[in-house]
């Protein structure tokens, strides 16, 4: 997997954001800050009402903007007009805008948020927008069905599976015990066919991701590294950290 060499280097979580300096996560400013240091960028993609991707983490607008309601209730044109809270004029980015901004200068890691429609349209639209992009880029998701869909929609696009313990209340509410077990232990790899794994730093070392790394030979990323202790653990068990609040 020579094309995935960059997944063995540090990656800036949601860009190189810094709230104290007015640099908001997943913003133009956060991406530019990482680009200036030559650091790979991880951002989140949410589905807009027209099945187009926008660069945004939350399912709703309240935390990061002065608007409210679900991201999926507005089309991409409407979302692009929304300013980020305390973001110095930065607005929500569409995926084409992100690609134009980065323009092959640093690698891009796109975490695609789960789309419950299961119709493949969202993944197909992302794949289409990435088809002509020539820089290093990969997609990943907690949702193994989406990872499998990317394999169908764009076989040549590197894809990864994001995982953790799934012990939080949100996971317990939305996933069955069997689903959480399968996802925690990467058993969904059987149909998702990931080419790399991103695993919660708090859960490392864990058997499943270490098997993926040392037996299957898949790059293993550790998220989210926020301290020197986290970094030490990431460097011991994983190939690279997805970090924030520091620069390794």
C-alpha atoms as a PDB file:
ATOM      1  CA  UNK A   1       0.000   0.000   0.000  1.00  0.00           C
ATOM      2  CA  UNK A   2       2.602   2.509  -1.076  1.00  0.00           C
ATOM      3  CA  UNK A   3      -0.066   5.106  -1.787  1.00  0.00           C
ATOM      4  CA  UNK A   4      -0.885   5.164   1.947  1.00  0.00           C
ATOM      5  CA  UNK A   5       2.624   6.133   3.091  1.00  0.00           C
ATOM      6  CA  UNK A   6       1.282   9.409   4.490  1.00  0.00           C
ATOM      7  CA  UNK A   7      -0.964   7.558   6.935  1.00  0.00           C
ATOM      8  CA  UNK A   8       2.187   6.815   8.904  1.00  0.00           C
ATOM      9  CA  UNK A   9       2.744  10.522   9.626  1.00  0.00           C
ATOM     10  CA  UNK A  10       0.972  12.878  12.083  1.00  0.00           C
ATOM     11  CA  UNK A  11      -2.418  14.224  10.979  1.00  0.00           C
ATOM     12  CA  UNK A  12      -4.104  17.383  12.302  1.00  0.00           C
ATOM     13  CA  UNK A  13      -7.540  16.574  13.752  1.00  0.00           C
ATOM     14  CA  UNK A  14     -10.119  18.864  12.082  1.00  0.00           C
ATOM     15  CA  UNK A  15      -7.227  20.965  10.867  1.00  0.00           C
ATOM     16  CA  UNK A  16      -4.778  22.852  13.065  1.00  0.00           C
ATOM     17  CA  UNK A  17      -7.500  24.613  15.030  1.00  0.00           C
ATOM     18  CA  UNK A  18      -6.998  26.849  18.054  1.00  0.00           C
ATOM     19  CA  UNK A  19     -10.031  28.470  19.681  1.00  0.00           C
ATOM     20  CA  UNK A  20      -7.905  30.979  21.587  1.00  0.00           C
ATOM     21  CA  UNK A  21      -6.620  32.326  18.279  1.00  0.00           C
ATOM     22  CA  UNK A  22     -10.034  32.276  16.626  1.00  0.00           C
ATOM     23  CA  UNK A  23      -9.207  29.269  14.453  1.00  0.00           C
ATOM     24  CA  UNK A  24     -12.284  27.042  14.445  1.00  0.00           C
ATOM     25  CA  UNK A  25     -12.243  23.301  13.757  1.00  0.00           C
ATOM     26  CA  UNK A  26     -12.917  22.197  10.168  1.00  0.00           C
ATOM     27  CA  UNK A  27     -12.495  25.773   8.911  1.00  0.00           C
ATOM     28  CA  UNK A  28     -10.520  27.417   6.121  1.00  0.00           C
ATOM     29  CA  UNK A  29      -8.224  28.920   8.755  1.00  0.00           C
ATOM     30  CA  UNK A  30      -7.610  25.555  10.445  1.00  0.00           C
ATOM     31  CA  UNK A  31      -6.786  23.894   7.133  1.00  0.00           C
ATOM     32  CA  UNK A  32      -4.476  26.737   6.102  1.00  0.00           C
ATOM     33  CA  UNK A  33      -2.664  26.569   9.457  1.00  0.00           C
ATOM     34  CA  UNK A  34      -1.884  22.891   8.862  1.00  0.00           C
ATOM     35  CA  UNK A  35      -0.878  23.560   5.271  1.00  0.00           C
ATOM     36  CA  UNK A  36       1.630  26.198   6.375  1.00  0.00           C
ATOM     37  CA  UNK A  37       3.343  23.551   8.511  1.00  0.00           C
ATOM     38  CA  UNK A  38       3.095  20.861   5.842  1.00  0.00           C
ATOM     39  CA  UNK A  39       0.885  18.669   8.044  1.00  0.00           C
ATOM     40  CA  UNK A  40      -1.789  16.305   6.737  1.00  0.00           C
ATOM     41  CA  UNK A  41      -5.353  17.370   7.520  1.00  0.00           C
ATOM     42  CA  UNK A  42      -8.300  15.348   8.827  1.00  0.00           C
ATOM     43  CA  UNK A  43     -11.771  16.863   8.452  1.00  0.00           C
ATOM     44  CA  UNK A  44     -15.350  15.671   8.867  1.00  0.00           C
ATOM     45  CA  UNK A  45     -18.000  15.403   6.164  1.00  0.00           C
ATOM     46  CA  UNK A  46     -21.707  15.659   6.923  1.00  0.00           C
ATOM     47  CA  UNK A  47     -24.538  15.095   4.458  1.00  0.00           C
ATOM     48  CA  UNK A  48     -26.556  18.119   3.335  1.00  0.00           C
ATOM     49  CA  UNK A  49     -30.216  17.862   2.305  1.00  0.00           C
ATOM     50  CA  UNK A  50     -29.247  17.467  -1.360  1.00  0.00           C
ATOM     51  CA  UNK A  51     -26.916  14.545  -0.529  1.00  0.00           C
ATOM     52  CA  UNK A  52     -23.823  16.697  -1.022  1.00  0.00           C
ATOM     53  CA  UNK A  53     -20.945  16.752   1.500  1.00  0.00           C
ATOM     54  CA  UNK A  54     -20.049  19.725   3.677  1.00  0.00           C
ATOM     55  CA  UNK A  55     -17.061  20.067   5.987  1.00  0.00           C
ATOM     56  CA  UNK A  56     -18.645  19.956   9.437  1.00  0.00           C
ATOM     57  CA  UNK A  57     -18.464  17.676  12.461  1.00  0.00           C
ATOM     58  CA  UNK A  58     -21.779  17.915  14.285  1.00  0.00           C
ATOM     59  CA  UNK A  59     -25.167  16.681  13.110  1.00  0.00           C
ATOM     60  CA  UNK A  60     -26.673  20.013  14.191  1.00  0.00           C
ATOM     61  CA  UNK A  61     -25.569  23.606  13.731  1.00  0.00           C
ATOM     62  CA  UNK A  62     -25.857  25.015  17.265  1.00  0.00           C
ATOM     63  CA  UNK A  63     -22.381  24.406  18.719  1.00  0.00           C
ATOM     64  CA  UNK A  64     -20.356  25.859  15.881  1.00  0.00           C
ATOM     65  CA  UNK A  65     -22.647  28.467  14.317  1.00  0.00           C
ATOM     66  CA  UNK A  66     -25.335  30.949  15.316  1.00  0.00           C
ATOM     67  CA  UNK A  67     -27.906  28.884  13.414  1.00  0.00           C
ATOM     68  CA  UNK A  68     -29.877  25.900  14.669  1.00  0.00           C
ATOM     69  CA  UNK A  69     -31.290  22.644  13.382  1.00  0.00           C
ATOM     70  CA  UNK A  70     -29.914  19.590  11.586  1.00  0.00           C
ATOM     71  CA  UNK A  71     -27.215  19.980   8.946  1.00  0.00           C
ATOM     72  CA  UNK A  72     -29.131  17.448   6.846  1.00  0.00           C
ATOM     73  CA  UNK A  73     -32.159  19.762   6.711  1.00  0.00           C
ATOM     74  CA  UNK A  74     -30.359  22.354   4.552  1.00  0.00           C
ATOM     75  CA  UNK A  75     -28.871  22.108   1.096  1.00  0.00           C
ATOM     76  CA  UNK A  76     -25.202  22.739   0.442  1.00  0.00           C
ATOM     77  CA  UNK A  77     -25.780  26.247  -0.948  1.00  0.00           C
ATOM     78  CA  UNK A  78     -27.565  27.269   2.242  1.00  0.00           C
ATOM     79  CA  UNK A  79     -24.902  25.722   4.475  1.00  0.00           C
ATOM     80  CA  UNK A  80     -22.069  27.456   2.610  1.00  0.00           C
ATOM     81  CA  UNK A  81     -23.598  30.805   3.542  1.00  0.00           C
ATOM     82  CA  UNK A  82     -23.426  30.090   7.286  1.00  0.00           C
ATOM     83  CA  UNK A  83     -20.563  31.673   9.225  1.00  0.00           C
ATOM     84  CA  UNK A  84     -18.741  29.664  11.867  1.00  0.00           C
ATOM     85  CA  UNK A  85     -19.098  30.999  15.402  1.00  0.00           C
ATOM     86  CA  UNK A  86     -16.005  32.995  16.485  1.00  0.00           C
ATOM     87  CA  UNK A  87     -14.410  31.972  13.207  1.00  0.00           C
ATOM     88  CA  UNK A  88     -13.192  35.325  11.938  1.00  0.00           C
ATOM     89  CA  UNK A  89     -15.439  35.233   8.899  1.00  0.00           C
ATOM     90  CA  UNK A  90     -14.865  31.592   7.962  1.00  0.00           C
ATOM     91  CA  UNK A  91     -17.948  29.803   6.646  1.00  0.00           C
ATOM     92  CA  UNK A  92     -18.935  26.180   6.260  1.00  0.00           C
ATOM     93  CA  UNK A  93     -16.982  24.626   3.394  1.00  0.00           C
ATOM     94  CA  UNK A  94     -18.245  22.340   0.667  1.00  0.00           C
ATOM     95  CA  UNK A  95     -15.979  19.461  -0.353  1.00  0.00           C
ATOM     96  CA  UNK A  96     -15.078  21.054  -3.728  1.00  0.00           C
ATOM     97  CA  UNK A  97     -14.059  24.229  -1.888  1.00  0.00           C
ATOM     98  CA  UNK A  98     -11.847  22.189   0.435  1.00  0.00           C
ATOM     99  CA  UNK A  99     -10.204  20.404  -2.489  1.00  0.00           C
ATOM    100  CA  UNK A 100      -9.566  23.698  -4.265  1.00  0.00           C
ATOM    101  CA  UNK A 101      -8.078  25.158  -1.086  1.00  0.00           C
ATOM    102  CA  UNK A 102      -5.715  22.262  -0.392  1.00  0.00           C
ATOM    103  CA  UNK A 103      -4.858  21.711  -4.065  1.00  0.00           C
ATOM    104  CA  UNK A 104      -2.600  18.699  -3.481  1.00  0.00           C
ATOM    105  CA  UNK A 105      -0.343  20.548  -1.004  1.00  0.00           C
ATOM    106  CA  UNK A 106      -0.937  18.218   1.980  1.00  0.00           C
ATOM    107  CA  UNK A 107      -2.697  14.862   2.352  1.00  0.00           C
ATOM    108  CA  UNK A 108      -6.412  14.875   3.192  1.00  0.00           C
ATOM    109  CA  UNK A 109      -8.183  12.400   5.459  1.00  0.00           C
ATOM    110  CA  UNK A 110     -11.974  12.669   5.262  1.00  0.00           C
ATOM    111  CA  UNK A 111     -14.069  11.219   8.074  1.00  0.00           C
ATOM    112  CA  UNK A 112     -17.509  10.639   6.604  1.00  0.00           C
ATOM    113  CA  UNK A 113     -20.295  10.807   9.153  1.00  0.00           C
ATOM    114  CA  UNK A 114     -22.891   8.052   9.071  1.00  0.00           C
ATOM    115  CA  UNK A 115     -25.766   8.431   6.623  1.00  0.00           C
ATOM    116  CA  UNK A 116     -28.692   6.315   7.750  1.00  0.00           C
ATOM    117  CA  UNK A 117     -30.357   6.359   4.313  1.00  0.00           C
ATOM    118  CA  UNK A 118     -28.217   3.389   3.201  1.00  0.00           C
ATOM    119  CA  UNK A 119     -28.890   4.240  -0.460  1.00  0.00           C
ATOM    120  CA  UNK A 120     -25.284   4.964  -1.430  1.00  0.00           C
ATOM    121  CA  UNK A 121     -26.040   8.385  -2.946  1.00  0.00           C
ATOM    122  CA  UNK A 122     -23.984  10.349  -0.411  1.00  0.00           C
ATOM    123  CA  UNK A 123     -20.954   8.104  -0.856  1.00  0.00           C
ATOM    124  CA  UNK A 124     -21.317   8.229  -4.653  1.00  0.00           C
ATOM    125  CA  UNK A 125     -21.377  12.034  -4.597  1.00  0.00           C
ATOM    126  CA  UNK A 126     -18.236  12.152  -2.466  1.00  0.00           C
ATOM    127  CA  UNK A 127     -16.514   9.670  -4.773  1.00  0.00           C
ATOM    128  CA  UNK A 128     -17.498  11.731  -7.808  1.00  0.00           C
ATOM    129  CA  UNK A 129     -16.096  14.929  -6.310  1.00  0.00           C
ATOM    130  CA  UNK A 130     -12.843  13.166  -5.449  1.00  0.00           C
ATOM    131  CA  UNK A 131     -12.488  11.435  -8.818  1.00  0.00           C
ATOM    132  CA  UNK A 132     -10.421  14.189 -10.431  1.00  0.00           C
ATOM    133  CA  UNK A 133      -8.472  15.158  -7.311  1.00  0.00           C
ATOM    134  CA  UNK A 134      -4.822  14.237  -7.719  1.00  0.00           C
ATOM    135  CA  UNK A 135      -3.494  14.781  -4.208  1.00  0.00           C
ATOM    136  CA  UNK A 136      -3.179  12.155  -1.456  1.00  0.00           C
ATOM    137  CA  UNK A 137      -6.664  11.568  -0.045  1.00  0.00           C
ATOM    138  CA  UNK A 138      -8.526   8.863   1.863  1.00  0.00           C
ATOM    139  CA  UNK A 139     -11.957   8.402   3.399  1.00  0.00           C
ATOM    140  CA  UNK A 140     -12.865   6.725   6.669  1.00  0.00           C
ATOM    141  CA  UNK A 141     -15.978   6.177   8.757  1.00  0.00           C
ATOM    142  CA  UNK A 142     -17.286   4.593  11.936  1.00  0.00           C
ATOM    143  CA  UNK A 143     -20.048   3.164   9.763  1.00  0.00           C
ATOM    144  CA  UNK A 144     -18.810  -0.080   8.154  1.00  0.00           C
ATOM    145  CA  UNK A 145     -21.652   0.005   5.634  1.00  0.00           C
ATOM    146  CA  UNK A 146     -20.349   3.325   4.321  1.00  0.00           C
ATOM    147  CA  UNK A 147     -16.821   1.942   4.067  1.00  0.00           C
ATOM    148  CA  UNK A 148     -18.206  -0.991   2.072  1.00  0.00           C
ATOM    149  CA  UNK A 149     -20.151   1.422  -0.128  1.00  0.00           C
ATOM    150  CA  UNK A 150     -16.981   3.392  -0.908  1.00  0.00           C
ATOM    151  CA  UNK A 151     -15.377   0.132  -1.999  1.00  0.00           C
ATOM    152  CA  UNK A 152     -18.199  -0.274  -4.521  1.00  0.00           C
ATOM    153  CA  UNK A 153     -18.413   3.369  -5.601  1.00  0.00           C
ATOM    154  CA  UNK A 154     -14.677   4.057  -5.841  1.00  0.00           C
ATOM    155  CA  UNK A 155     -12.494   0.930  -5.562  1.00  0.00           C
ATOM    156  CA  UNK A 156      -9.323   2.961  -6.024  1.00  0.00           C
ATOM    157  CA  UNK A 157     -10.103   5.409  -3.213  1.00  0.00           C
ATOM    158  CA  UNK A 158      -8.295   4.436   0.016  1.00  0.00           C
ATOM    159  CA  UNK A 159     -10.812   3.702   2.768  1.00  0.00           C
ATOM    160  CA  UNK A 160     -10.532   3.132   6.497  1.00  0.00           C
ATOM    161  CA  UNK A 161     -12.590   1.971   9.439  1.00  0.00           C
ATOM    162  CA  UNK A 162     -12.817   4.121  12.577  1.00  0.00           C
ATOM    163  CA  UNK A 163     -13.413   2.320  15.845  1.00  0.00           C
ATOM    164  CA  UNK A 164     -13.366   2.512  19.631  1.00  0.00           C
ATOM    165  CA  UNK A 165     -14.810   0.688  22.638  1.00  0.00           C
ATOM    166  CA  UNK A 166     -18.367   1.899  21.874  1.00  0.00           C
ATOM    167  CA  UNK A 167     -18.978   2.072  25.624  1.00  0.00           C
ATOM    168  CA  UNK A 168     -20.529   5.558  25.717  1.00  0.00           C
ATOM    169  CA  UNK A 169     -24.231   6.153  26.280  1.00  0.00           C
ATOM    170  CA  UNK A 170     -24.816   7.317  22.692  1.00  0.00           C
ATOM    171  CA  UNK A 171     -23.454   4.041  21.332  1.00  0.00           C
ATOM    172  CA  UNK A 172     -25.525   2.042  23.792  1.00  0.00           C
ATOM    173  CA  UNK A 173     -28.631   3.941  22.697  1.00  0.00           C
ATOM    174  CA  UNK A 174     -28.178   3.539  18.949  1.00  0.00           C
ATOM    175  CA  UNK A 175     -26.351   0.207  18.645  1.00  0.00           C
ATOM    176  CA  UNK A 176     -27.195  -3.263  19.878  1.00  0.00           C
ATOM    177  CA  UNK A 177     -24.793  -5.163  22.113  1.00  0.00           C
ATOM    178  CA  UNK A 178     -23.902  -7.399  19.164  1.00  0.00           C
ATOM    179  CA  UNK A 179     -23.268  -4.425  16.881  1.00  0.00           C
ATOM    180  CA  UNK A 180     -21.026  -2.766  19.442  1.00  0.00           C
ATOM    181  CA  UNK A 181     -19.075  -5.991  19.946  1.00  0.00           C
ATOM    182  CA  UNK A 182     -18.596  -6.478  16.198  1.00  0.00           C
ATOM    183  CA  UNK A 183     -17.530  -2.872  15.620  1.00  0.00           C
ATOM    184  CA  UNK A 184     -15.208  -2.756  18.647  1.00  0.00           C
ATOM    185  CA  UNK A 185     -13.408  -5.892  17.506  1.00  0.00           C
ATOM    186  CA  UNK A 186     -13.344  -4.849  13.823  1.00  0.00           C
ATOM    187  CA  UNK A 187     -15.381  -7.902  12.825  1.00  0.00           C
ATOM    188  CA  UNK A 188     -17.171  -5.689  10.311  1.00  0.00           C
ATOM    189  CA  UNK A 189     -13.941  -5.713   8.302  1.00  0.00           C
ATOM    190  CA  UNK A 190     -15.252  -8.936   6.775  1.00  0.00           C
ATOM    191  CA  UNK A 191     -17.600  -6.916   4.550  1.00  0.00           C
ATOM    192  CA  UNK A 192     -16.167  -3.381   4.870  1.00  0.00           C
ATOM    193  CA  UNK A 193     -12.673  -4.357   3.621  1.00  0.00           C
ATOM    194  CA  UNK A 194     -10.817  -1.372   5.130  1.00  0.00           C
ATOM    195  CA  UNK A 195      -7.310  -0.537   3.982  1.00  0.00           C
ATOM    196  CA  UNK A 196      -6.411   1.158   7.266  1.00  0.00           C
ATOM    197  CA  UNK A 197      -7.822   1.504  10.774  1.00  0.00           C
ATOM    198  CA  UNK A 198      -8.228   4.543  13.042  1.00  0.00           C
ATOM    199  CA  UNK A 199      -8.692   3.535  16.693  1.00  0.00           C
ATOM    200  CA  UNK A 200      -9.411   5.467  19.881  1.00  0.00           C
ATOM    201  CA  UNK A 201      -6.124   6.185  21.682  1.00  0.00           C
ATOM    202  CA  UNK A 202      -7.873   5.558  25.021  1.00  0.00           C
ATOM    203  CA  UNK A 203      -8.543   1.950  24.006  1.00  0.00           C
ATOM    204  CA  UNK A 204      -4.993   1.113  22.932  1.00  0.00           C
ATOM    205  CA  UNK A 205      -3.476  -1.384  23.254  1.00  0.00           C
ATOM    206  CA  UNK A 206      -6.341  -3.586  22.110  1.00  0.00           C
ATOM    207  CA  UNK A 207      -6.226  -6.932  20.349  1.00  0.00           C
ATOM    208  CA  UNK A 208      -8.236  -6.149  17.201  1.00  0.00           C
ATOM    209  CA  UNK A 209      -6.357  -3.036  16.017  1.00  0.00           C
ATOM    210  CA  UNK A 210      -3.001  -4.620  16.804  1.00  0.00           C
ATOM    211  CA  UNK A 211      -3.930  -7.671  14.724  1.00  0.00           C
ATOM    212  CA  UNK A 212      -4.911  -5.305  11.913  1.00  0.00           C
ATOM    213  CA  UNK A 213      -1.522  -3.599  12.159  1.00  0.00           C
ATOM    214  CA  UNK A 214       0.888  -6.449  12.796  1.00  0.00           C
ATOM    215  CA  UNK A 215      -0.853  -9.405  11.125  1.00  0.00           C
ATOM    216  CA  UNK A 216      -2.859  -7.802   8.312  1.00  0.00           C
ATOM    217  CA  UNK A 217      -0.297  -5.042   7.754  1.00  0.00           C
ATOM    218  CA  UNK A 218      -2.843  -2.213   7.762  1.00  0.00           C
ATOM    219  CA  UNK A 219      -1.756   1.293   8.794  1.00  0.00           C
ATOM    220  CA  UNK A 220      -3.091   2.050  12.286  1.00  0.00           C
ATOM    221  CA  UNK A 221      -3.943   5.615  13.289  1.00  0.00           C
ATOM    222  CA  UNK A 222      -4.611   6.658  16.888  1.00  0.00           C
ATOM    223  CA  UNK A 223      -7.192   9.341  17.660  1.00  0.00           C
ATOM    224  CA  UNK A 224      -7.408  11.839  19.267  1.00  0.00           C
ATOM    225  CA  UNK A 225      -3.938  12.549  20.662  1.00  0.00           C
ATOM    226  CA  UNK A 226      -4.046  15.591  22.966  1.00  0.00           C
ATOM    227  CA  UNK A 227      -1.072  15.173  25.319  1.00  0.00           C
ATOM    228  CA  UNK A 228       2.499  13.934  25.493  1.00  0.00           C
ATOM    229  CA  UNK A 229       1.253  10.805  27.257  1.00  0.00           C
ATOM    230  CA  UNK A 230      -1.212  10.177  24.419  1.00  0.00           C
ATOM    231  CA  UNK A 231       1.553  10.741  21.885  1.00  0.00           C
ATOM    232  CA  UNK A 232       3.865   8.285  23.622  1.00  0.00           C
ATOM    233  CA  UNK A 233       1.121   5.653  23.565  1.00  0.00           C
ATOM    234  CA  UNK A 234       0.301   6.364  19.914  1.00  0.00           C
ATOM    235  CA  UNK A 235       3.921   6.016  18.853  1.00  0.00           C
ATOM    236  CA  UNK A 236       4.202   2.745  20.782  1.00  0.00           C
ATOM    237  CA  UNK A 237       1.130   1.014  19.386  1.00  0.00           C
ATOM    238  CA  UNK A 238       0.070   2.840  16.211  1.00  0.00           C
ATOM    239  CA  UNK A 239       1.699   4.144  13.060  1.00  0.00           C
ATOM    240  CA  UNK A 240       0.673   7.775  13.460  1.00  0.00           C
ATOM    241  CA  UNK A 241      -1.377  10.104  15.660  1.00  0.00           C
ATOM    242  CA  UNK A 242      -4.414  12.134  14.707  1.00  0.00           C
ATOM    243  CA  UNK A 243      -3.739  15.035  17.047  1.00  0.00           C
ATOM    244  CA  UNK A 244      -5.090  18.350  18.304  1.00  0.00           C
ATOM    245  CA  UNK A 245      -4.010  20.993  20.820  1.00  0.00           C
ATOM    246  CA  UNK A 246      -0.358  20.192  20.163  1.00  0.00           C
ATOM    247  CA  UNK A 247       2.026  19.560  17.281  1.00  0.00           C
ATOM    248  CA  UNK A 248       4.014  16.295  17.530  1.00  0.00           C
END
